[in-house]
PDB file of N, CA and C in Angstrom:
ATOM      1  N   MET A   1      22.675 -18.618  -8.842  1.00  0.00           N
ATOM      2  CA  MET A   1      21.595 -17.479  -7.964  1.00  0.00           C
ATOM      3  C   MET A   1      22.335 -18.307  -7.080  1.00  0.00           C
ATOM      4  N   ASN A   2      22.312 -17.654  -5.639  1.00  0.00           N
ATOM      5  CA  ASN A   2      22.490 -18.286  -4.486  1.00  0.00           C
ATOM      6  C   ASN A   2      21.186 -17.766  -3.726  1.00  0.00           C
ATOM      7  N   VAL A   3      21.525 -18.526  -2.515  1.00  0.00           N
ATOM      8  CA  VAL A   3      20.212 -18.256  -1.516  1.00  0.00           C
ATOM      9  C   VAL A   3      20.088 -16.503  -1.175  1.00  0.00           C
ATOM     10  N   ASP A   4      21.035 -15.509  -0.887  1.00  0.00           N
ATOM     11  CA  ASP A   4      21.629 -14.765  -0.574  1.00  0.00           C
ATOM     12  C   ASP A   4      20.494 -13.668  -1.623  1.00  0.00           C
ATOM     13  N   VAL A   5      21.089 -13.908  -2.245  1.00  0.00           N
ATOM     14  CA  VAL A   5      20.289 -12.511  -3.692  1.00  0.00           C
ATOM     15  C   VAL A   5      18.821 -13.120  -3.843  1.00  0.00           C
ATOM     16  N   VAL A   6      18.395 -14.558  -3.862  1.00  0.00           N
ATOM     17  CA  VAL A   6      16.913 -14.780  -3.742  1.00  0.00           C
ATOM     18  C   VAL A   6      15.986 -13.933  -2.458  1.00  0.00           C
ATOM     19  N   ILE A   7      16.893 -14.071  -1.017  1.00  0.00           N
ATOM     20  CA  ILE A   7      16.527 -13.235   0.046  1.00  0.00           C
ATOM     21  C   ILE A   7      16.758 -11.666   0.095  1.00  0.00           C
ATOM     22  N   ASP A   8      17.927 -11.322  -0.746  1.00  0.00           N
ATOM     23  CA  ASP A   8      17.437 -10.020  -1.369  1.00  0.00           C
ATOM     24  C   ASP A   8      16.459  -9.567  -1.902  1.00  0.00           C
ATOM     25  N   ILE A   9      16.653  -9.876  -2.958  1.00  0.00           N
ATOM     26  CA  ILE A   9      14.971  -9.990  -3.841  1.00  0.00           C
ATOM     27  C   ILE A   9      13.424  -9.920  -3.063  1.00  0.00           C
ATOM     28  N   ALA A  10      13.471 -10.877  -2.338  1.00  0.00           N
ATOM     29  CA  ALA A  10      12.034 -11.008  -1.440  1.00  0.00           C
ATOM     30  C   ALA A  10      12.170  -9.539  -0.623  1.00  0.00           C
ATOM     31  N   ARG A  11      13.525  -9.498   0.240  1.00  0.00           N
ATOM     32  CA  ARG A  11      13.838  -8.314   0.969  1.00  0.00           C
ATOM     33  C   ARG A  11      13.051  -6.974   0.175  1.00  0.00           C
ATOM     34  N   GLN A  12      13.921  -6.961  -0.822  1.00  0.00           N
ATOM     35  CA  GLN A  12      12.993  -5.678  -1.519  1.00  0.00           C
ATOM     36  C   GLN A  12      11.957  -5.555  -2.195  1.00  0.00           C
ATOM     37  N   THR A  13      11.419  -6.713  -2.678  1.00  0.00           N
ATOM     38  CA  THR A  13      10.039  -6.866  -3.047  1.00  0.00           C
ATOM     39  C   THR A  13       8.788  -6.204  -1.806  1.00  0.00           C
ATOM     40  N   LEU A  14       9.459  -7.371  -0.892  1.00  0.00           N
ATOM     41  CA  LEU A  14       8.327  -6.887   0.389  1.00  0.00           C
ATOM     42  C   LEU A  14       8.836  -5.307   0.727  1.00  0.00           C
ATOM     43  N   LEU A  15       9.469  -4.808   0.872  1.00  0.00           N
ATOM     44  CA  LEU A  15       9.335  -3.239   0.707  1.00  0.00           C
ATOM     45  C   LEU A  15       9.154  -2.456   0.518  1.00  0.00           C
ATOM     46  N   VAL A  16       8.994  -2.420  -1.081  1.00  0.00           N
ATOM     47  CA  VAL A  16       7.909  -1.821  -2.106  1.00  0.00           C
ATOM     48  C   VAL A  16       7.063  -2.172  -2.002  1.00  0.00           C
ATOM     49  N   ILE A  17       6.067  -3.108  -1.618  1.00  0.00           N
ATOM     50  CA  ILE A  17       4.987  -4.028  -1.191  1.00  0.00           C
ATOM     51  C   ILE A  17       4.467  -2.798   0.041  1.00  0.00           C
ATOM     52  N   ILE A  18       5.223  -2.831   1.130  1.00  0.00           N
ATOM     53  CA  ILE A  18       4.870  -1.363   2.572  1.00  0.00           C
ATOM     54  C   ILE A  18       4.694  -0.462   1.909  1.00  0.00           C
ATOM     55  N   LYS A  19       5.369  -0.224   1.417  1.00  0.00           N
ATOM     56  CA  LYS A  19       6.219   1.171   1.053  1.00  0.00           C
ATOM     57  C   LYS A  19       4.441   2.360   0.309  1.00  0.00           C
ATOM     58  N   CYS A  20       4.541   1.116  -0.848  1.00  0.00           N
ATOM     59  CA  CYS A  20       3.296   1.934  -1.596  1.00  0.00           C
ATOM     60  C   CYS A  20       1.823   1.127  -0.797  1.00  0.00           C
ATOM     61  N   SER A  21       1.896   0.291  -0.287  1.00  0.00           N
ATOM     62  CA  SER A  21       0.312  -0.019   0.102  1.00  0.00           C
ATOM     63  C   SER A  21       0.230   0.929   1.215  1.00  0.00           C
ATOM     64  N   ALA A  22       1.282   1.685   1.867  1.00  0.00           N
ATOM     65  CA  ALA A  22       1.269   2.262   3.386  1.00  0.00           C
ATOM     66  C   ALA A  22       0.428   3.481   3.585  1.00  0.00           C
ATOM     67  N   PRO A  23      -0.178   4.044   2.688  1.00  0.00           N
ATOM     68  CA  PRO A  23      -0.590   5.542   2.593  1.00  0.00           C
ATOM     69  C   PRO A  23      -2.226   5.408   2.301  1.00  0.00           C
ATOM     70  N   MET A  24      -2.459   4.098   1.686  1.00  0.00           N
ATOM     71  CA  MET A  24      -3.881   3.759   1.596  1.00  0.00           C
ATOM     72  C   MET A  24      -3.995   2.922   3.016  1.00  0.00           C
ATOM     73  N   LEU A  25      -3.592   2.210   3.549  1.00  0.00           N
ATOM     74  CA  LEU A  25      -3.600   1.522   4.629  1.00  0.00           C
ATOM     75  C   LEU A  25      -3.725   2.212   6.012  1.00  0.00           C
ATOM     76  N   LEU A  26      -2.806   3.673   5.774  1.00  0.00           N
ATOM     77  CA  LEU A  26      -2.966   4.427   6.877  1.00  0.00           C
ATOM     78  C   LEU A  26      -4.176   5.332   7.079  1.00  0.00           C
ATOM     79  N   VAL A  27      -4.569   5.367   6.044  1.00  0.00           N
ATOM     80  CA  VAL A  27      -5.672   6.737   6.033  1.00  0.00           C
ATOM     81  C   VAL A  27      -6.683   5.937   6.079  1.00  0.00           C
ATOM     82  N   SER A  28      -7.304   4.444   5.640  1.00  0.00           N
ATOM     83  CA  SER A  28      -8.086   3.695   5.883  1.00  0.00           C
ATOM     84  C   SER A  28      -8.334   3.039   7.428  1.00  0.00           C
ATOM     85  N   LEU A  29      -7.243   3.686   8.140  1.00  0.00           N
ATOM     86  CA  LEU A  29      -6.889   3.251   9.284  1.00  0.00           C
ATOM     87  C   LEU A  29      -7.846   4.082  10.266  1.00  0.00           C
ATOM     88  N   ILE A  30      -6.946   5.592   9.455  1.00  0.00           N
ATOM     89  CA  ILE A  30      -7.321   7.149  10.492  1.00  0.00           C
ATOM     90  C   ILE A  30      -8.857   7.436  10.445  1.00  0.00           C
ATOM     91  N   VAL A  31      -9.078   6.649   8.771  1.00  0.00           N
ATOM     92  CA  VAL A  31     -10.869   6.854   8.400  1.00  0.00           C
ATOM     93  C   VAL A  31     -11.690   6.297   9.051  1.00  0.00           C
ATOM     94  N   GLY A  32     -11.191   4.864   9.455  1.00  0.00           N
ATOM     95  CA  GLY A  32     -12.117   3.751  10.458  1.00  0.00           C
ATOM     96  C   GLY A  32     -12.701   4.502  11.706  1.00  0.00           C
ATOM     97  N   LEU A  33     -11.239   4.798  12.322  1.00  0.00           N
ATOM     98  CA  LEU A  33     -10.841   5.149  14.025  1.00  0.00           C
ATOM     99  C   LEU A  33     -12.252   6.206  14.020  1.00  0.00           C
ATOM    100  N   ILE A  34     -11.589   7.302  12.767  1.00  0.00           N
ATOM    101  CA  ILE A  34     -12.858   8.678  13.019  1.00  0.00           C
ATOM    102  C   ILE A  34     -14.356   8.143  13.295  1.00  0.00           C
ATOM    103  N   VAL A  35     -14.867   7.216  12.152  1.00  0.00           N
ATOM    104  CA  VAL A  35     -15.995   6.754  11.859  1.00  0.00           C
ATOM    105  C   VAL A  35     -16.345   6.223  12.950  1.00  0.00           C
ATOM    106  N   SER A  36     -15.392   4.791  13.822  1.00  0.00           N
ATOM    107  CA  SER A  36     -15.578   4.610  14.778  1.00  0.00           C
ATOM    108  C   SER A  36     -15.999   5.410  15.552  1.00  0.00           C
ATOM    109  N   ILE A  37     -15.476   6.693  16.197  1.00  0.00           N
ATOM    110  CA  ILE A  37     -15.755   7.640  17.325  1.00  0.00           C
ATOM    111  C   ILE A  37     -16.992   8.659  17.215  1.00  0.00           C
ATOM    112  N   PHE A  38     -17.069   8.945  16.445  1.00  0.00           N
ATOM    113  CA  PHE A  38     -18.264   9.214  15.225  1.00  0.00           C
ATOM    114  C   PHE A  38     -19.636   8.222  15.581  1.00  0.00           C
ATOM    115  N   GLN A  39     -19.374   7.061  15.178  1.00  0.00           N
ATOM    116  CA  GLN A  39     -21.146   5.845  15.606  1.00  0.00           C
ATOM    117  C   GLN A  39     -20.728   5.960  17.059  1.00  0.00           C
ATOM    118  N   THR A  40     -19.769   5.753  18.028  1.00  0.00           N
ATOM    119  CA  THR A  40     -19.940   5.932  19.662  1.00  0.00           C
ATOM    120  C   THR A  40     -20.301   6.995  19.924  1.00  0.00           C
ATOM    121  N   ILE A  41     -20.409   7.908  19.531  1.00  0.00           N
ATOM    122  CA  ILE A  41     -20.741   9.149  20.209  1.00  0.00           C
ATOM    123  C   ILE A  41     -22.330   9.529  20.091  1.00  0.00           C
ATOM    124  N   THR A  42     -22.631   9.467  18.336  1.00  0.00           N
ATOM    125  CA  THR A  42     -24.076   9.520  18.083  1.00  0.00           C
ATOM    126  C   THR A  42     -25.303   7.844  18.153  1.00  0.00           C
ATOM    127  N   SER A  43     -24.716   6.965  18.445  1.00  0.00           N
ATOM    128  CA  SER A  43     -24.962   5.574  19.521  1.00  0.00           C
ATOM    129  C   SER A  43     -25.458   5.202  18.063  1.00  0.00           C
ATOM    130  N   ILE A  44     -24.887   5.814  16.720  1.00  0.00           N
ATOM    131  CA  ILE A  44     -25.374   4.238  15.379  1.00  0.00           C
ATOM    132  C   ILE A  44     -24.502   3.831  15.272  1.00  0.00           C
ATOM    133  N   GLN A  45     -25.453   2.524  15.198  1.00  0.00           N
ATOM    134  CA  GLN A  45     -24.769   0.945  15.035  1.00  0.00           C
ATOM    135  C   GLN A  45     -24.480   0.615  13.961  1.00  0.00           C
ATOM    136  N   GLU A  46     -24.591   1.017  12.923  1.00  0.00           N
ATOM    137  CA  GLU A  46     -24.866   0.343  11.227  1.00  0.00           C
ATOM    138  C   GLU A  46     -23.549   0.057  10.897  1.00  0.00           C
ATOM    139  N   GLN A  47     -23.434  -0.720  10.395  1.00  0.00           N
ATOM    140  CA  GLN A  47     -22.341  -1.679  10.178  1.00  0.00           C
ATOM    141  C   GLN A  47     -21.575  -1.086   8.868  1.00  0.00           C
ATOM    142  N   THR A  48     -22.653  -0.715   7.669  1.00  0.00           N
ATOM    143  CA  THR A  48     -22.027  -0.291   6.493  1.00  0.00           C
ATOM    144  C   THR A  48     -21.628   1.443   6.431  1.00  0.00           C
ATOM    145  N   LEU A  49     -21.731   1.915   8.033  1.00  0.00           N
ATOM    146  CA  LEU A  49     -21.168   3.134   7.652  1.00  0.00           C
ATOM    147  C   LEU A  49     -20.235   3.548   7.397  1.00  0.00           C
ATOM    148  N   THR A  50     -19.573   2.314   7.769  1.00  0.00           N
ATOM    149  CA  THR A  50     -17.942   2.722   7.022  1.00  0.00           C
ATOM    150  C   THR A  50     -17.025   2.435   6.187  1.00  0.00           C
ATOM    151  N   PHE A  51     -17.461   1.911   5.292  1.00  0.00           N
ATOM    152  CA  PHE A  51     -17.261   1.283   4.156  1.00  0.00           C
ATOM    153  C   PHE A  51     -17.279   2.805   2.979  1.00  0.00           C
ATOM    154  N   VAL A  52     -18.166   3.528   3.594  1.00  0.00           N
ATOM    155  CA  VAL A  52     -18.117   4.466   2.368  1.00  0.00           C
ATOM    156  C   VAL A  52     -17.685   5.406   2.435  1.00  0.00           C
ATOM    157  N   PRO A  53     -17.114   6.210   3.431  1.00  0.00           N
ATOM    158  CA  PRO A  53     -15.906   7.005   3.981  1.00  0.00           C
ATOM    159  C   PRO A  53     -14.944   6.593   3.661  1.00  0.00           C
ATOM    160  N   LYS A  54     -14.739   4.997   4.269  1.00  0.00           N
ATOM    161  CA  LYS A  54     -13.077   4.564   3.582  1.00  0.00           C
ATOM    162  C   LYS A  54     -12.684   4.550   2.228  1.00  0.00           C
ATOM    163  N   LEU A  55     -13.701   4.334   1.167  1.00  0.00           N
ATOM    164  CA  LEU A  55     -14.073   4.010  -0.461  1.00  0.00           C
ATOM    165  C   LEU A  55     -12.934   5.270  -0.354  1.00  0.00           C
ATOM    166  N   ILE A  56     -14.187   5.888  -0.074  1.00  0.00           N
ATOM    167  CA  ILE A  56     -13.973   7.901  -0.766  1.00  0.00           C
ATOM    168  C   ILE A  56     -12.338   8.087  -0.747  1.00  0.00           C
ATOM    169  N   ALA A  57     -11.899   7.970   0.981  1.00  0.00           N
ATOM    170  CA  ALA A  57     -10.489   8.172   1.588  1.00  0.00           C
ATOM    171  C   ALA A  57      -9.617   7.485   0.328  1.00  0.00           C
ATOM    172  N   ILE A  58      -9.615   6.623   0.306  1.00  0.00           N
ATOM    173  CA  ILE A  58      -8.799   5.806  -0.379  1.00  0.00           C
ATOM    174  C   ILE A  58      -8.869   5.783  -1.924  1.00  0.00           C
ATOM    175  N   PHE A  59      -9.989   6.189  -2.596  1.00  0.00           N
ATOM    176  CA  PHE A  59      -9.877   6.737  -3.747  1.00  0.00           C
ATOM    177  C   PHE A  59      -9.520   8.074  -3.885  1.00  0.00           C
ATOM    178  N   MET A  60      -9.507   8.618  -2.943  1.00  0.00           N
ATOM    179  CA  MET A  60      -8.399   9.427  -2.721  1.00  0.00           C
ATOM    180  C   MET A  60      -6.979  10.054  -3.023  1.00  0.00           C
ATOM    181  N   VAL A  61      -6.547   9.209  -1.791  1.00  0.00           N
ATOM    182  CA  VAL A  61      -5.025   8.410  -1.236  1.00  0.00           C
ATOM    183  C   VAL A  61      -4.514   7.966  -2.853  1.00  0.00           C
ATOM    184  N   ILE A  62      -5.472   7.375  -3.815  1.00  0.00           N
ATOM    185  CA  ILE A  62      -5.068   6.852  -4.881  1.00  0.00           C
ATOM    186  C   ILE A  62      -4.987   7.616  -5.494  1.00  0.00           C
ATOM    187  N   MET A  63      -5.385   8.954  -6.202  1.00  0.00           N
ATOM    188  CA  MET A  63      -5.682   9.937  -6.796  1.00  0.00           C
ATOM    189  C   MET A  63      -4.254  10.858  -6.457  1.00  0.00           C
ATOM    190  N   LEU A  64      -4.037  11.201  -5.571  1.00  0.00           N
ATOM    191  CA  LEU A  64      -3.380  12.180  -5.354  1.00  0.00           C
ATOM    192  C   LEU A  64      -1.227  11.259  -4.743  1.00  0.00           C
ATOM    193  N   ALA A  65      -1.659   9.808  -4.653  1.00  0.00           N
ATOM    194  CA  ALA A  65      -0.153   9.559  -4.539  1.00  0.00           C
ATOM    195  C   ALA A  65       0.004   8.538  -5.480  1.00  0.00           C
ATOM    196  N   GLY A  66      -0.536   8.093  -6.538  1.00  0.00           N
ATOM    197  CA  GLY A  66      -1.289   6.957  -7.707  1.00  0.00           C
ATOM    198  C   GLY A  66       0.235   7.118  -8.268  1.00  0.00           C
ATOM    199  N   SER A  67       0.781   8.255  -8.757  1.00  0.00           N
ATOM    200  CA  SER A  67       2.047   8.688  -9.807  1.00  0.00           C
ATOM    201  C   SER A  67       2.989   8.321  -8.991  1.00  0.00           C
ATOM    202  N   TRP A  68       3.051   8.360  -7.560  1.00  0.00           N
ATOM    203  CA  TRP A  68       4.237   7.942  -7.010  1.00  0.00           C
ATOM    204  C   TRP A  68       4.509   6.893  -6.428  1.00  0.00           C
ATOM    205  N   ILE A  69       3.142   5.546  -6.471  1.00  0.00           N
ATOM    206  CA  ILE A  69       2.745   4.615  -6.110  1.00  0.00           C
ATOM    207  C   ILE A  69       3.555   3.445  -7.394  1.00  0.00           C
ATOM    208  N   PHE A  70       3.036   4.053  -8.740  1.00  0.00           N
ATOM    209  CA  PHE A  70       3.508   3.918  -9.979  1.00  0.00           C
ATOM    210  C   PHE A  70       4.756   4.042 -10.371  1.00  0.00           C
ATOM    211  N   LYS A  71       5.522   5.191  -9.686  1.00  0.00           N
ATOM    212  CA  LYS A  71       7.067   5.385 -10.202  1.00  0.00           C
ATOM    213  C   LYS A  71       7.739   4.569  -9.200  1.00  0.00           C
ATOM    214  N   ASN A  72       7.179   3.881  -7.841  1.00  0.00           N
ATOM    215  CA  ASN A  72       7.912   3.462  -7.075  1.00  0.00           C
ATOM    216  C   ASN A  72       8.286   1.555  -7.679  1.00  0.00           C
ATOM    217  N   ILE A  73       7.075   1.406  -8.395  1.00  0.00           N
ATOM    218  CA  ILE A  73       6.746   0.062  -8.874  1.00  0.00           C
ATOM    219  C   ILE A  73       7.378  -0.073 -10.232  1.00  0.00           C
ATOM    220  N   VAL A  74       7.454   0.824 -11.039  1.00  0.00           N
ATOM    221  CA  VAL A  74       8.345   1.115 -12.395  1.00  0.00           C
ATOM    222  C   VAL A  74      10.350   0.929 -12.448  1.00  0.00           C
ATOM    223  N   ASP A  75      10.292   2.038 -11.078  1.00  0.00           N
ATOM    224  CA  ASP A  75      12.027   1.873 -11.087  1.00  0.00           C
ATOM    225  C   ASP A  75      12.493   0.644  -9.994  1.00  0.00           C
ATOM    226  N   PHE A  76      11.134  -0.321  -9.165  1.00  0.00           N
ATOM    227  CA  PHE A  76      11.992  -1.353  -9.200  1.00  0.00           C
ATOM    228  C   PHE A  76      11.488  -2.353 -10.015  1.00  0.00           C
ATOM    229  N   THR A  77      11.092  -2.248 -10.533  1.00  0.00           N
ATOM    230  CA  THR A  77      10.388  -3.233 -11.753  1.00  0.00           C
ATOM    231  C   THR A  77      12.155  -2.845 -12.836  1.00  0.00           C
ATOM    232  N   TYR A  78      12.221  -1.777 -13.078  1.00  0.00           N
ATOM    233  CA  TYR A  78      13.294  -1.881 -13.916  1.00  0.00           C
ATOM    234  C   TYR A  78      14.551  -2.037 -12.981  1.00  0.00           C
ATOM    235  N   GLU A  79      14.650  -1.872 -12.005  1.00  0.00           N
ATOM    236  CA  GLU A  79      15.677  -2.529 -11.549  1.00  0.00           C
ATOM    237  C   GLU A  79      15.972  -3.915 -11.292  1.00  0.00           C
ATOM    238  N   LEU A  80      15.169  -4.907 -11.471  1.00  0.00           N
ATOM    239  CA  LEU A  80      15.258  -6.150 -11.316  1.00  0.00           C
ATOM    240  C   LEU A  80      15.511  -6.714 -12.774  1.00  0.00           C
ATOM    241  N   PHE A  81      14.718  -5.951 -13.290  1.00  0.00           N
ATOM    242  CA  PHE A  81      15.327  -6.517 -15.401  1.00  0.00           C
ATOM    243  C   PHE A  81      16.480  -6.018 -15.268  1.00  0.00           C
ATOM    244  N   SER A  82      16.691  -4.839 -14.800  1.00  0.00           N
ATOM    245  CA  SER A  82      18.192  -4.378 -15.564  1.00  0.00           C
ATOM    246  C   SER A  82      19.680  -5.491 -14.986  1.00  0.00           C
ATOM    247  N   ASN A  83      18.897  -5.978 -14.129  1.00  0.00           N
ATOM    248  CA  ASN A  83      20.381  -7.091 -13.177  1.00  0.00           C
ATOM    249  C   ASN A  83      19.705  -8.419 -13.077  1.00  0.00           C
ATOM    250  N   PHE A  84      18.885  -8.323 -14.379  1.00  0.00           N
ATOM    251  CA  PHE A  84      18.112 -10.084 -14.781  1.00  0.00           C
ATOM    252  C   PHE A  84      19.608 -10.723 -15.179  1.00  0.00           C
ATOM    253  N   GLY A  85      20.959 -10.091 -15.661  1.00  0.00           N
ATOM    254  CA  GLY A  85      21.489 -11.344 -16.481  1.00  0.00           C
ATOM    255  C   GLY A  85      22.778 -11.410 -15.485  1.00  0.00           C
ATOM    256  N   THR A  86      23.035 -10.815 -14.037  1.00  0.00           N
ATOM    257  CA  THR A  86      23.130 -10.804 -12.774  1.00  0.00           C
ATOM    258  C   THR A  86      22.583 -12.380 -11.690  1.00  0.00           C
ATOM    259  N   TYR A  87      21.295 -12.188 -12.051  1.00  0.00           N
ATOM    260  CA  TYR A  87      20.499 -13.117 -11.286  1.00  0.00           C
ATOM    261  C   TYR A  87      21.168 -14.965 -11.575  1.00  0.00           C
ATOM    262  N   ILE A  88      21.045 -14.387 -13.281  1.00  0.00           N
ATOM    263  CA  ILE A  88      20.748 -16.250 -13.874  1.00  0.00           C
ATOM    264  C   ILE A  88      22.155 -17.373 -13.561  1.00  0.00           C
ATOM    265  N   LYS A  89      22.947 -16.381 -12.957  1.00  0.00           N
ATOM    266  CA  LYS A  89      24.592 -16.580 -13.164  1.00  0.00           C
ATOM    267  C   LYS A  89      24.254 -17.291 -11.911  1.00  0.00           C
TER     268      LYS A  89
END
């Protein structure tokens, strides 16, 4: 296995990580922004107010996109293991 193969595997791994974590991160960002705007408008400065809506939103995203995330991870793992013979040469 040469350096190019290792770099390609690392690149593919990072792309899968980004693709699988993006829905949860984006929803968390949007919910946090909405709660911050709500806190600014109502002058409520409670720091723990952001955790519950984010937690609920991320849980909902995992419920909706969990099978898609799992499928991406399984496909990548299957591809990685199926090419294992070429990696060790």
